[in-house]
C-alpha atoms as a PDB file:
ATOM      1  CA  MET A   1      23.231 -16.312  -1.500  1.00  0.00           C
ATOM      2  CA  LYS A   2      25.266 -17.287   1.537  1.00  0.00           C
ATOM      3  CA  ASP A   3      27.664 -14.900   3.247  1.00  0.00           C
ATOM      4  CA  SER A   4      28.220 -15.398   6.948  1.00  0.00           C
ATOM      5  CA  SER A   5      30.916 -12.691   6.991  1.00  0.00           C
ATOM      6  CA  ARG A   6      28.487  -9.789   6.675  1.00  0.00           C
ATOM      7  CA  GLY A   7      27.999  -7.471   9.628  1.00  0.00           C
ATOM      8  CA  GLU A   8      24.877  -5.454  10.339  1.00  0.00           C
ATOM      9  CA  PRO A   9      22.901  -4.677   7.177  1.00  0.00           C
ATOM     10  CA  GLN A  10      22.084  -1.137   6.096  1.00  0.00           C
ATOM     11  CA  ILE A  11      18.409  -1.956   5.567  1.00  0.00           C
ATOM     12  CA  SER A  12      16.040  -4.109   7.594  1.00  0.00           C
ATOM     13  CA  VAL A  13      12.976  -5.091   5.587  1.00  0.00           C
ATOM     14  CA  VAL A  14       9.929  -5.677   7.812  1.00  0.00           C
ATOM     15  CA  MET A  15       7.366  -7.926   6.107  1.00  0.00           C
ATOM     16  CA  PRO A  16       4.392  -9.232   8.109  1.00  0.00           C
ATOM     17  CA  VAL A  17       2.892 -12.388   6.624  1.00  0.00           C
ATOM     18  CA  TYR A  18      -0.609 -13.767   7.103  1.00  0.00           C
ATOM     19  CA  GLN A  19      -2.290 -16.286   4.786  1.00  0.00           C
ATOM     20  CA  ALA A  20      -0.178 -14.998   1.876  1.00  0.00           C
ATOM     21  CA  GLU A  21       0.477 -18.290   0.094  1.00  0.00           C
ATOM     22  CA  PRO A  22      -0.613 -17.266  -3.461  1.00  0.00           C
ATOM     23  CA  TYR A  23       1.649 -14.202  -3.616  1.00  0.00           C
ATOM     24  CA  LEU A  24       4.360 -14.705  -1.015  1.00  0.00           C
ATOM     25  CA  GLU A  25       7.119 -16.164  -3.161  1.00  0.00           C
ATOM     26  CA  ALA A  26       6.829 -13.404  -5.779  1.00  0.00           C
ATOM     27  CA  ALA A  27       6.881 -10.725  -3.056  1.00  0.00           C
ATOM     28  CA  VAL A  28      10.029 -12.151  -1.456  1.00  0.00           C
ATOM     29  CA  GLU A  29      11.743 -12.689  -4.817  1.00  0.00           C
ATOM     30  CA  SER A  30      11.159  -9.010  -5.645  1.00  0.00           C
ATOM     31  CA  ILE A  31      13.119  -8.095  -2.506  1.00  0.00           C
ATOM     32  CA  LEU A  32      15.916 -10.573  -3.211  1.00  0.00           C
ATOM     33  CA  ALA A  33      16.228  -9.053  -6.709  1.00  0.00           C
ATOM     34  CA  GLN A  34      16.948  -5.528  -5.398  1.00  0.00           C
ATOM     35  CA  SER A  35      19.915  -3.774  -6.977  1.00  0.00           C
ATOM     36  CA  PHE A  36      20.861  -2.628  -3.456  1.00  0.00           C
ATOM     37  CA  GLY A  37      21.583  -5.916  -1.732  1.00  0.00           C
ATOM     38  CA  ASP A  38      22.816  -4.959   1.761  1.00  0.00           C
ATOM     39  CA  PHE A  39      19.640  -5.852   3.670  1.00  0.00           C
ATOM     40  CA  GLU A  40      18.012  -8.390   5.932  1.00  0.00           C
ATOM     41  CA  LEU A  41      14.437  -9.502   5.316  1.00  0.00           C
ATOM     42  CA  LEU A  42      12.465 -10.055   8.511  1.00  0.00           C
ATOM     43  CA  ALA A  43       9.510 -12.268   7.533  1.00  0.00           C
ATOM     44  CA  LEU A  44       7.096 -12.210  10.478  1.00  0.00           C
ATOM     45  CA  ASP A  45       4.392 -14.834  10.128  1.00  0.00           C
ATOM     46  CA  ASP A  46       1.268 -14.063  12.168  1.00  0.00           C
ATOM     47  CA  GLY A  47      -0.047 -17.588  12.682  1.00  0.00           C
ATOM     48  CA  SER A  48      -0.765 -18.451   9.053  1.00  0.00           C
ATOM     49  CA  THR A  49      -2.590 -21.760   8.559  1.00  0.00           C
ATOM     50  CA  ASP A  50      -1.896 -21.953   4.817  1.00  0.00           C
ATOM     51  CA  ASP A  51       1.431 -22.868   3.193  1.00  0.00           C
ATOM     52  CA  SER A  52       3.125 -19.548   4.032  1.00  0.00           C
ATOM     53  CA  PRO A  53       5.454 -20.945   6.765  1.00  0.00           C
ATOM     54  CA  ARG A  54       6.743 -23.695   4.450  1.00  0.00           C
ATOM     55  CA  ILE A  55       7.326 -21.213   1.612  1.00  0.00           C
ATOM     56  CA  LEU A  56       9.253 -18.916   3.962  1.00  0.00           C
ATOM     57  CA  ALA A  57      11.385 -21.792   5.238  1.00  0.00           C
ATOM     58  CA  SER A  58      12.238 -22.832   1.682  1.00  0.00           C
ATOM     59  CA  LEU A  59      13.195 -19.288   0.680  1.00  0.00           C
ATOM     60  CA  ALA A  60      15.277 -18.762   3.845  1.00  0.00           C
ATOM     61  CA  ALA A  61      17.227 -21.955   3.100  1.00  0.00           C
ATOM     62  CA  ARG A  62      18.316 -20.379  -0.195  1.00  0.00           C
ATOM     63  CA  ASP A  63      19.293 -16.916   1.065  1.00  0.00           C
ATOM     64  CA  ASP A  64      20.640 -16.151   4.529  1.00  0.00           C
ATOM     65  CA  ARG A  65      19.447 -12.560   4.339  1.00  0.00           C
ATOM     66  CA  ILE A  66      15.961 -13.900   5.162  1.00  0.00           C
ATOM     67  CA  ARG A  67      15.126 -14.264   8.862  1.00  0.00           C
ATOM     68  CA  VAL A  68      11.816 -16.039   9.512  1.00  0.00           C
ATOM     69  CA  HIS A  69       9.857 -15.591  12.752  1.00  0.00           C
ATOM     70  CA  LEU A  70       6.723 -17.639  13.395  1.00  0.00           C
ATOM     71  CA  ALA A  71       4.187 -16.623  16.022  1.00  0.00           C
ATOM     72  CA  GLN A  72       0.566 -17.110  17.006  1.00  0.00           C
ATOM     73  CA  HIS A  73      -1.966 -14.793  15.408  1.00  0.00           C
ATOM     74  CA  ALA A  74      -1.868 -11.444  17.194  1.00  0.00           C
ATOM     75  CA  GLY A  75      -2.472  -8.836  14.522  1.00  0.00           C
ATOM     76  CA  LEU A  76      -0.508  -6.486  12.302  1.00  0.00           C
ATOM     77  CA  VAL A  77       0.641  -3.907  14.850  1.00  0.00           C
ATOM     78  CA  GLN A  78       2.223  -6.512  17.125  1.00  0.00           C
ATOM     79  CA  ARG A  79       4.091  -8.078  14.204  1.00  0.00           C
ATOM     80  CA  LEU A  80       5.297  -4.674  13.000  1.00  0.00           C
ATOM     81  CA  ASN A  81       6.638  -3.736  16.429  1.00  0.00           C
ATOM     82  CA  GLU A  82       8.287  -7.153  16.675  1.00  0.00           C
ATOM     83  CA  GLY A  83      10.001  -6.369  13.381  1.00  0.00           C
ATOM     84  CA  LEU A  84      11.228  -3.008  14.678  1.00  0.00           C
ATOM     85  CA  ALA A  85      12.655  -4.707  17.769  1.00  0.00           C
ATOM     86  CA  LEU A  86      14.510  -7.267  15.655  1.00  0.00           C
ATOM     87  CA  ALA A  87      15.737  -4.832  13.000  1.00  0.00           C
ATOM     88  CA  ARG A  88      19.475  -4.156  12.879  1.00  0.00           C
ATOM     89  CA  GLY A  89      19.616  -1.769   9.923  1.00  0.00           C
ATOM     90  CA  ALA A  90      20.044   1.993   9.935  1.00  0.00           C
ATOM     91  CA  TYR A  91      17.045   2.079   7.584  1.00  0.00           C
ATOM     92  CA  ILE A  92      13.808   0.133   7.853  1.00  0.00           C
ATOM     93  CA  ALA A  93      11.857  -0.684   4.703  1.00  0.00           C
ATOM     94  CA  ARG A  94       8.280  -1.943   4.754  1.00  0.00           C
ATOM     95  CA  MET A  95       7.005  -4.634   2.461  1.00  0.00           C
ATOM     96  CA  ASP A  96       3.694  -6.456   2.235  1.00  0.00           C
ATOM     97  CA  ALA A  97       3.555 -10.162   1.446  1.00  0.00           C
ATOM     98  CA  ASP A  98       1.307  -9.781  -1.616  1.00  0.00           C
ATOM     99  CA  ASP A  99       2.980  -6.833  -3.364  1.00  0.00           C
ATOM    100  CA  ILE A 100       5.966  -6.415  -5.692  1.00  0.00           C
ATOM    101  CA  SER A 101       8.922  -4.029  -5.364  1.00  0.00           C
ATOM    102  CA  HIS A 102      10.774  -2.989  -8.499  1.00  0.00           C
ATOM    103  CA  PRO A 103      14.491  -3.850  -8.436  1.00  0.00           C
ATOM    104  CA  GLU A 104      15.613  -0.219  -8.086  1.00  0.00           C
ATOM    105  CA  ARG A 105      13.300   0.618  -5.169  1.00  0.00           C
ATOM    106  CA  PHE A 106      15.824   0.358  -2.305  1.00  0.00           C
ATOM    107  CA  GLU A 107      18.639   1.943  -4.307  1.00  0.00           C
ATOM    108  CA  ARG A 108      16.525   5.004  -5.111  1.00  0.00           C
ATOM    109  CA  GLN A 109      15.109   5.361  -1.593  1.00  0.00           C
ATOM    110  CA  ILE A 110      18.384   5.042   0.275  1.00  0.00           C
ATOM    111  CA  ALA A 111      19.998   7.545  -2.118  1.00  0.00           C
ATOM    112  CA  TYR A 112      17.189  10.009  -1.386  1.00  0.00           C
ATOM    113  CA  LEU A 113      17.460   9.614   2.380  1.00  0.00           C
ATOM    114  CA  GLU A 114      21.229  10.024   2.311  1.00  0.00           C
ATOM    115  CA  ALA A 115      20.872  13.175   0.190  1.00  0.00           C
ATOM    116  CA  HIS A 116      18.087  14.619   2.393  1.00  0.00           C
ATOM    117  CA  PRO A 117      19.040  14.249   6.078  1.00  0.00           C
ATOM    118  CA  GLU A 118      15.914  16.163   7.135  1.00  0.00           C
ATOM    119  CA  CYS A 119      13.697  13.420   5.658  1.00  0.00           C
ATOM    120  CA  VAL A 120      12.656  10.631   8.047  1.00  0.00           C
ATOM    121  CA  ALA A 121      10.528   8.580   5.628  1.00  0.00           C
ATOM    122  CA  VAL A 122      10.244   8.234   1.871  1.00  0.00           C
ATOM    123  CA  GLY A 123       7.697   6.288  -0.148  1.00  0.00           C
ATOM    124  CA  THR A 124       7.332   5.817  -3.872  1.00  0.00           C
ATOM    125  CA  ALA A 125       4.731   6.283  -6.545  1.00  0.00           C
ATOM    126  CA  VAL A 126       2.649   3.152  -7.089  1.00  0.00           C
ATOM    127  CA  ASP A 127       1.010   1.124  -9.827  1.00  0.00           C
ATOM    128  CA  GLU A 128      -2.025  -0.891  -8.757  1.00  0.00           C
ATOM    129  CA  ILE A 129      -2.437  -4.464  -9.996  1.00  0.00           C
ATOM    130  CA  ASP A 130      -5.287  -6.949  -9.745  1.00  0.00           C
ATOM    131  CA  PRO A 131      -5.041 -10.326  -7.945  1.00  0.00           C
ATOM    132  CA  ASP A 132      -3.531 -11.891 -11.093  1.00  0.00           C
ATOM    133  CA  GLY A 133      -0.957  -9.141 -11.629  1.00  0.00           C
ATOM    134  CA  ARG A 134      -2.754  -7.177 -14.363  1.00  0.00           C
ATOM    135  CA  LEU A 135      -2.044  -3.440 -14.297  1.00  0.00           C
ATOM    136  CA  ILE A 136      -5.054  -1.333 -13.283  1.00  0.00           C
ATOM    137  CA  GLY A 137      -3.632   2.175 -12.976  1.00  0.00           C
ATOM    138  CA  ALA A 138      -1.353   4.491 -11.039  1.00  0.00           C
ATOM    139  CA  MET A 139      -2.276   5.829  -7.608  1.00  0.00           C
ATOM    140  CA  ASP A 140      -2.392   9.611  -7.188  1.00  0.00           C
ATOM    141  CA  ILE A 141       0.746  10.099  -5.099  1.00  0.00           C
ATOM    142  CA  ARG A 142       2.113  13.561  -4.266  1.00  0.00           C
ATOM    143  CA  PRO A 143       5.837  14.139  -3.627  1.00  0.00           C
ATOM    144  CA  THR A 144       6.157  16.920  -1.053  1.00  0.00           C
ATOM    145  CA  HIS A 145       5.933  16.903   2.727  1.00  0.00           C
ATOM    146  CA  GLU A 146       3.283  19.631   2.715  1.00  0.00           C
ATOM    147  CA  GLU A 147       1.018  17.744   0.304  1.00  0.00           C
ATOM    148  CA  ILE A 148       1.454  14.466   2.182  1.00  0.00           C
ATOM    149  CA  ASP A 149       0.738  16.048   5.565  1.00  0.00           C
ATOM    150  CA  ASP A 150      -2.334  17.892   4.277  1.00  0.00           C
ATOM    151  CA  ARG A 151      -3.747  14.697   2.820  1.00  0.00           C
ATOM    152  CA  MET A 152      -3.087  12.781   6.049  1.00  0.00           C
ATOM    153  CA  LEU A 153      -4.976  15.375   8.074  1.00  0.00           C
ATOM    154  CA  ARG A 154      -7.870  14.846   5.655  1.00  0.00           C
ATOM    155  CA  GLY A 155      -7.829  11.125   6.467  1.00  0.00           C
ATOM    156  CA  ASP A 156      -5.869   9.812   3.492  1.00  0.00           C
ATOM    157  CA  GLY A 157      -3.876   6.898   4.916  1.00  0.00           C
ATOM    158  CA  GLY A 158      -2.391   6.303   1.476  1.00  0.00           C
ATOM    159  CA  ALA A 159      -0.779   9.729   1.210  1.00  0.00           C
ATOM    160  CA  LEU A 160       2.458   7.851   1.856  1.00  0.00           C
ATOM    161  CA  VAL A 161       1.737   4.222   0.979  1.00  0.00           C
ATOM    162  CA  HIS A 162       2.781   2.212   4.022  1.00  0.00           C
ATOM    163  CA  ALA A 163       4.169  -0.797   2.160  1.00  0.00           C
ATOM    164  CA  THR A 164       6.420   1.431   0.000  1.00  0.00           C
ATOM    165  CA  ALA A 165       7.988   3.341   2.891  1.00  0.00           C
ATOM    166  CA  MET A 166      11.633   3.410   3.922  1.00  0.00           C
ATOM    167  CA  TYR A 167      12.324   4.975   7.331  1.00  0.00           C
ATOM    168  CA  ARG A 168      15.280   6.026   9.412  1.00  0.00           C
ATOM    169  CA  SER A 169      15.251   3.420  12.168  1.00  0.00           C
ATOM    170  CA  GLY A 170      16.250   6.004  14.786  1.00  0.00           C
ATOM    171  CA  ALA A 171      13.237   8.141  13.881  1.00  0.00           C
ATOM    172  CA  LEU A 172      10.849   5.185  14.242  1.00  0.00           C
ATOM    173  CA  ARG A 173      12.271   4.263  17.631  1.00  0.00           C
ATOM    174  CA  SER A 174      12.282   7.855  18.859  1.00  0.00           C
ATOM    175  CA  ILE A 175       8.485   8.041  18.469  1.00  0.00           C
ATOM    176  CA  GLY A 176       7.884   4.634  20.045  1.00  0.00           C
ATOM    177  CA  GLY A 177       7.092   2.676  16.887  1.00  0.00           C
ATOM    178  CA  TYR A 178       3.502   1.664  16.223  1.00  0.00           C
ATOM    179  CA  HIS A 179       0.909   2.362  18.899  1.00  0.00           C
ATOM    180  CA  ALA A 180      -1.235  -0.481  20.203  1.00  0.00           C
ATOM    181  CA  GLY A 181      -4.925  -0.324  19.336  1.00  0.00           C
ATOM    182  CA  THR A 182      -4.403   1.459  16.007  1.00  0.00           C
ATOM    183  CA  ASP A 183      -4.929  -1.568  13.708  1.00  0.00           C
ATOM    184  CA  GLY A 184      -6.361  -0.323  10.442  1.00  0.00           C
ATOM    185  CA  GLY A 185      -5.119   3.197  11.118  1.00  0.00           C
ATOM    186  CA  GLU A 186      -1.587   2.293  12.216  1.00  0.00           C
ATOM    187  CA  ASP A 187       0.058   3.754   9.118  1.00  0.00           C
ATOM    188  CA  LEU A 188      -1.743   7.098   9.357  1.00  0.00           C
ATOM    189  CA  ASP A 189      -1.002   7.366  13.084  1.00  0.00           C
ATOM    190  CA  LEU A 190       2.685   6.516  12.570  1.00  0.00           C
ATOM    191  CA  HIS A 191       3.166   8.894   9.654  1.00  0.00           C
ATOM    192  CA  LEU A 192       1.455  11.801  11.404  1.00  0.00           C
ATOM    193  CA  ARG A 193       3.815  11.377  14.363  1.00  0.00           C
ATOM    194  CA  LEU A 194       6.837  11.085  12.059  1.00  0.00           C
ATOM    195  CA  SER A 195       5.805  14.238  10.207  1.00  0.00           C
ATOM    196  CA  GLU A 196       6.193  16.151  13.473  1.00  0.00           C
ATOM    197  CA  ILE A 197       9.890  15.257  13.903  1.00  0.00           C
ATOM    198  CA  GLY A 198      11.049  15.412  10.276  1.00  0.00           C
ATOM    199  CA  ARG A 199      10.009  15.583   6.650  1.00  0.00           C
ATOM    200  CA  LEU A 200       8.149  13.014   4.567  1.00  0.00           C
ATOM    201  CA  ALA A 201       8.493  12.516   0.818  1.00  0.00           C
ATOM    202  CA  ASN A 202       7.400  10.315  -2.066  1.00  0.00           C
ATOM    203  CA  LEU A 203       9.599   9.506  -5.036  1.00  0.00           C
ATOM    204  CA  SER A 204       7.861  10.279  -8.315  1.00  0.00           C
ATOM    205  CA  GLU A 205       9.104   7.013  -9.857  1.00  0.00           C
ATOM    206  CA  ARG A 206       6.607   4.151  -9.805  1.00  0.00           C
ATOM    207  CA  LEU A 207       8.734   1.560  -8.019  1.00  0.00           C
ATOM    208  CA  PHE A 208       6.014  -0.577  -6.458  1.00  0.00           C
ATOM    209  CA  LEU A 209       3.118  -2.783  -7.548  1.00  0.00           C
ATOM    210  CA  TYR A 210       0.289  -2.628  -5.020  1.00  0.00           C
ATOM    211  CA  ARG A 211      -2.087  -5.574  -5.271  1.00  0.00           C
ATOM    212  CA  LYS A 212      -5.798  -4.797  -5.111  1.00  0.00           C
ATOM    213  CA  ASN A 213      -8.184  -7.472  -3.897  1.00  0.00           C
ATOM    214  CA  TYR A 214     -11.939  -7.372  -3.705  1.00  0.00           C
ATOM    215  CA  THR A 215     -12.444  -8.549  -0.133  1.00  0.00           C
ATOM    216  CA  GLY A 216     -16.016  -7.549   0.665  1.00  0.00           C
ATOM    217  CA  VAL A 217     -14.899  -5.758   3.848  1.00  0.00           C
ATOM    218  CA  THR A 218     -17.816  -5.476   6.256  1.00  0.00           C
ATOM    219  CA  HIS A 219     -19.281  -2.066   7.003  1.00  0.00           C
ATOM    220  CA  SER A 220     -18.517  -2.523  10.713  1.00  0.00           C
ATOM    221  CA  ARG A 221     -14.843  -3.202   9.935  1.00  0.00           C
ATOM    222  CA  ARG A 222     -14.643  -0.084   7.773  1.00  0.00           C
ATOM    223  CA  LEU A 223     -16.251   1.934  10.570  1.00  0.00           C
ATOM    224  CA  ASP A 224     -13.566   0.658  12.963  1.00  0.00           C
ATOM    225  CA  VAL A 225     -10.805   1.747  10.595  1.00  0.00           C
ATOM    226  CA  ARG A 226     -12.413   5.169  10.100  1.00  0.00           C
ATOM    227  CA  SER A 227     -12.725   5.583  13.866  1.00  0.00           C
ATOM    228  CA  ARG A 228      -9.025   4.798  14.410  1.00  0.00           C
ATOM    229  CA  GLN A 229      -7.986   7.145  11.630  1.00  0.00           C
ATOM    230  CA  ASP A 230     -10.132   9.937  13.079  1.00  0.00           C
ATOM    231  CA  ALA A 231      -8.589   9.336  16.509  1.00  0.00           C
ATOM    232  CA  ALA A 232      -5.091   9.579  15.011  1.00  0.00           C
ATOM    233  CA  ILE A 233      -5.963  12.891  13.344  1.00  0.00           C
ATOM    234  CA  ARG A 234      -7.442  14.344  16.557  1.00  0.00           C
ATOM    235  CA  LYS A 235      -4.332  13.374  18.520  1.00  0.00           C
ATOM    236  CA  ALA A 236      -2.111  14.942  15.858  1.00  0.00           C
ATOM    237  CA  LEU A 237      -4.038  18.200  15.993  1.00  0.00           C
ATOM    238  CA  ILE A 238      -3.784  18.292  19.794  1.00  0.00           C
ATOM    239  CA  ARG A 239      -0.016  17.646  19.648  1.00  0.00           C
ATOM    240  CA  ARG A 240       0.275  20.552  17.209  1.00  0.00           C
ATOM    241  CA  GLY A 241      -1.676  22.886  19.473  1.00  0.00           C
ATOM    242  CA  LEU A 242      -4.674  23.013  17.161  1.00  0.00           C
ATOM    243  CA  ASP A 243      -8.393  22.532  17.734  1.00  0.00           C
ATOM    244  CA  PRO A 244      -9.043  18.753  17.561  1.00  0.00           C
ATOM    245  CA  ASN A 245     -12.381  19.505  15.892  1.00  0.00           C
ATOM    246  CA  SER A 246     -10.787  21.564  13.118  1.00  0.00           C
ATOM    247  CA  ALA A 247     -10.028  18.615  10.817  1.00  0.00           C
ATOM    248  CA  PRO A 248     -11.815  18.801   7.444  1.00  0.00           C
ATOM    249  CA  GLU A 249     -15.086  16.897   7.477  1.00  0.00           C
ATOM    250  CA  ARG A 250     -14.820  13.530   5.786  1.00  0.00           C
ATOM    251  CA  PRO A 251     -17.593  12.147   3.566  1.00  0.00           C
ATOM    252  CA  PRO A 252     -19.792   9.549   5.251  1.00  0.00           C
ATOM    253  CA  LEU A 253     -18.953   5.908   4.683  1.00  0.00           C
ATOM    254  CA  VAL A 254     -21.185   4.160   2.199  1.00  0.00           C
ATOM    255  CA  ALA A 255     -21.807   0.453   1.872  1.00  0.00           C
ATOM    256  CA  GLU A 256     -18.965  -1.594   0.401  1.00  0.00           C
ATOM    257  CA  PRO A 257     -19.587  -1.806  -3.362  1.00  0.00           C
ATOM    258  CA  SER A 258     -20.552  -5.152  -4.853  1.00  0.00           C
ATOM    259  CA  ALA A 259     -17.975  -7.186  -6.772  1.00  0.00           C
ATOM    260  CA  ASP A 260     -19.433  -6.217 -10.148  1.00  0.00           C
ATOM    261  CA  THR A 261     -19.216  -2.524  -9.217  1.00  0.00           C
ATOM    262  CA  VAL A 262     -15.565  -2.936  -8.209  1.00  0.00           C
ATOM    263  CA  TRP A 263     -14.845  -4.674 -11.532  1.00  0.00           C
ATOM    264  CA  ALA A 264     -16.534  -1.843 -13.432  1.00  0.00           C
ATOM    265  CA  ILE A 265     -14.400   0.678 -11.535  1.00  0.00           C
ATOM    266  CA  TRP A 266     -11.247  -1.290 -12.362  1.00  0.00           C
ATOM    267  CA  ALA A 267     -12.287  -1.457 -16.019  1.00  0.00           C
ATOM    268  CA  ASN A 268     -12.690   2.315 -16.184  1.00  0.00           C
ATOM    269  CA  ARG A 269      -9.440   3.007 -14.339  1.00  0.00           C
ATOM    270  CA  ALA A 270      -7.529   0.614 -16.580  1.00  0.00           C
ATOM    271  CA  LEU A 271      -9.022   2.232 -19.677  1.00  0.00           C
ATOM    272  CA  LEU A 272      -7.962   5.683 -18.452  1.00  0.00           C
ATOM    273  CA  ALA A 273      -4.439   4.327 -17.875  1.00  0.00           C
ATOM    274  CA  SER A 274      -4.377   2.722 -21.354  1.00  0.00           C
ATOM    275  CA  HIS A 275      -4.253  -0.820 -19.957  1.00  0.00           C
ATOM    276  CA  ARG A 276      -6.690  -2.095 -22.587  1.00  0.00           C
ATOM    277  CA  ASP A 277      -6.425  -5.813 -21.793  1.00  0.00           C
ATOM    278  CA  THR A 278      -7.221  -5.220 -18.107  1.00  0.00           C
ATOM    279  CA  ALA A 279     -10.075  -2.889 -19.016  1.00  0.00           C
ATOM    280  CA  ARG A 280     -11.653  -5.444 -21.360  1.00  0.00           C
ATOM    281  CA  HIS A 281     -11.204  -8.272 -18.856  1.00  0.00           C
ATOM    282  CA  TYR A 282     -13.077  -6.427 -16.099  1.00  0.00           C
ATOM    283  CA  ALA A 283     -15.685  -4.904 -18.369  1.00  0.00           C
ATOM    284  CA  LEU A 284     -16.643  -8.442 -19.394  1.00  0.00           C
ATOM    285  CA  LYS A 285     -16.603  -9.693 -15.776  1.00  0.00           C
ATOM    286  CA  ALA A 286     -18.841  -6.824 -14.651  1.00  0.00           C
ATOM    287  CA  PHE A 287     -21.243  -7.426 -17.544  1.00  0.00           C
ATOM    288  CA  CYS A 288     -21.451 -11.183 -16.907  1.00  0.00           C
ATOM    289  CA  ALA A 289     -22.112 -10.611 -13.195  1.00  0.00           C
ATOM    290  CA  ALA A 290     -24.786  -7.919 -13.672  1.00  0.00           C
ATOM    291  CA  PRO A 291     -25.676  -7.455 -17.365  1.00  0.00           C
ATOM    292  CA  GLN A 292     -28.620  -5.182 -16.632  1.00  0.00           C
ATOM    293  CA  ARG A 293     -26.323  -2.671 -14.937  1.00  0.00           C
ATOM    294  CA  HIS A 294     -23.213  -2.917 -17.082  1.00  0.00           C
ATOM    295  CA  TRP A 295     -24.392  -3.738 -20.612  1.00  0.00           C
ATOM    296  CA  LYS A 296     -22.909  -0.496 -22.004  1.00  0.00           C
ATOM    297  CA  LEU A 297     -19.510  -0.986 -20.366  1.00  0.00           C
ATOM    298  CA  PRO A 298     -18.028  -3.657 -22.702  1.00  0.00           C
ATOM    299  CA  ILE A 299     -19.150  -1.670 -25.762  1.00  0.00           C
ATOM    300  CA  ARG A 300     -17.509   1.515 -24.522  1.00  0.00           C
ATOM    301  CA  VAL A 301     -14.323  -0.235 -23.399  1.00  0.00           C
ATOM    302  CA  TRP A 302     -13.927  -2.169 -26.674  1.00  0.00           C
ATOM    303  CA  LEU A 303     -14.334   1.127 -28.542  1.00  0.00           C
ATOM    304  CA  GLY A 304     -11.822   2.775 -26.205  1.00  0.00           C
ATOM    305  CA  ILE A 305     -14.203   5.569 -25.216  1.00  0.00           C
ATOM    306  CA  ARG A 306     -13.521   7.068 -21.804  1.00  0.00           C
ATOM    307  CA  PRO A 307     -16.420   7.647 -19.368  1.00  0.00           C
ATOM    308  CA  LEU A 308     -16.662  11.452 -19.684  1.00  0.00           C
ATOM    309  CA  LEU A 309     -16.526  11.335 -23.479  1.00  0.00           C
ATOM    310  CA  TRP A 310     -19.201   8.615 -23.477  1.00  0.00           C
ATOM    311  CA  LYS A 311     -21.479  10.822 -21.380  1.00  0.00           C
ATOM    312  CA  ARG A 312     -20.927  13.783 -23.674  1.00  0.00           C
ATOM    313  CA  CYS A 313     -21.662  11.649 -26.736  1.00  0.00           C
ATOM    314  CA  GLY A 314     -24.859  10.354 -25.130  1.00  0.00           C
ATOM    315  CA  ARG A 315     -25.947  13.863 -24.189  1.00  0.00           C
ATOM    316  CA  THR A 316     -25.276  15.130 -27.729  1.00  0.00           C
ATOM    317  CA  LEU A 317     -27.178  12.199 -29.262  1.00  0.00           C
ATOM    318  CA  ARG A 318     -30.192  12.785 -27.028  1.00  0.00           C
ATOM    319  CA  GLN A 319     -30.206  16.471 -27.936  1.00  0.00           C
ATOM    320  CA  TRP A 320     -29.957  15.628 -31.646  1.00  0.00           C
ATOM    321  CA  ILE A 321     -32.862  13.148 -31.418  1.00  0.00           C
ATOM    322  CA  ALA A 322     -34.978  15.646 -29.487  1.00  0.00           C
END
C-alpha cells in the first residue's frame, strides 16, 4: 500500500524487535491487516543478529506505513522511549514482534477510547498460543480500572497486557514515558503511573494472541524482575500517600519449572479450554521427556478428564478399594 498523500496517522504502533525472525512477518502482517488502517508502524530493531532487519526491510518496501529504525542493542526501555519520541499519532498502540493482533483490535480500541475520554489506556482480553501457534487457553483478564489497579498493586504486571495496550499519546508523554532502569518491570511501572492520571480498561473481547515460549529464565533474572516490580509498587504507594510497606505480600519465587513441567501445565490448561489437540500434543511431550512423572497425563488427557475430576475419581477409587 503506497499513499504519500497521507498526513499524520491517528495511531502510532510501537513494536520493538530483537531476534524475532521466526515470528516477525506474521506479527507485522497482523498489523497490516487491521480493519482500522490509519496508522504508522514503528519497527525498532534492537541490534538483531538474525534475519529480522532483512524481513523488516522487505515488509517496509511493500507498505509505506512501516517505518524501520535499526540501532545497536540497548534494551527494551530505550527502544520503547525511542518509539514514543518518533510517534506522530494521537494514539499509541503497543505490539510485540512474536504476537498476533486480530484484525478488529485497533478498531475496537480506538472506538472505546473515543467513547471514554477519561480512559488513558485500554488493553484487550488475550488467548495464549504456543511457539507453533497452537491455542493453549485464555488469560484471566479483568475489565475495570479498579480490578486492574488492585492486581497491579499485588504485582501482576499482566493485569493490562503490555503488548495489547493502546494509549493516548498525550498521557504517555505527560508522565515522561518509560523510566530508565525498569527493564522487566517497565510495563507495571508505566501502568501504575498512568492509573494515577486517568482510568485503565480491558476490552472483554479476545483480540490478541500472546505467544508463550519456554525460555528457561534464570532464577537471578526473575529476581531482578521481581525487584523492579516491587520498586514500582513502593513508588506508587508513596505517590498515593500510602505506606510503602502496605503492599500485599507476594509469594516467594520458586525455581523456574523444567520444560516437561511447563508442557504438563500447558496440556492441562489446553484441556480446560477445550483445545484437545494442544492438550494431547503437550501431554505426549511431557510424558516422553519424563515418563516417570507424567505417565498418567496422556491417559487423562485422551479421556478428556480434567485434573480436579481425576483427583476425585482417584480418591473415590482408593476409598472403594480400602
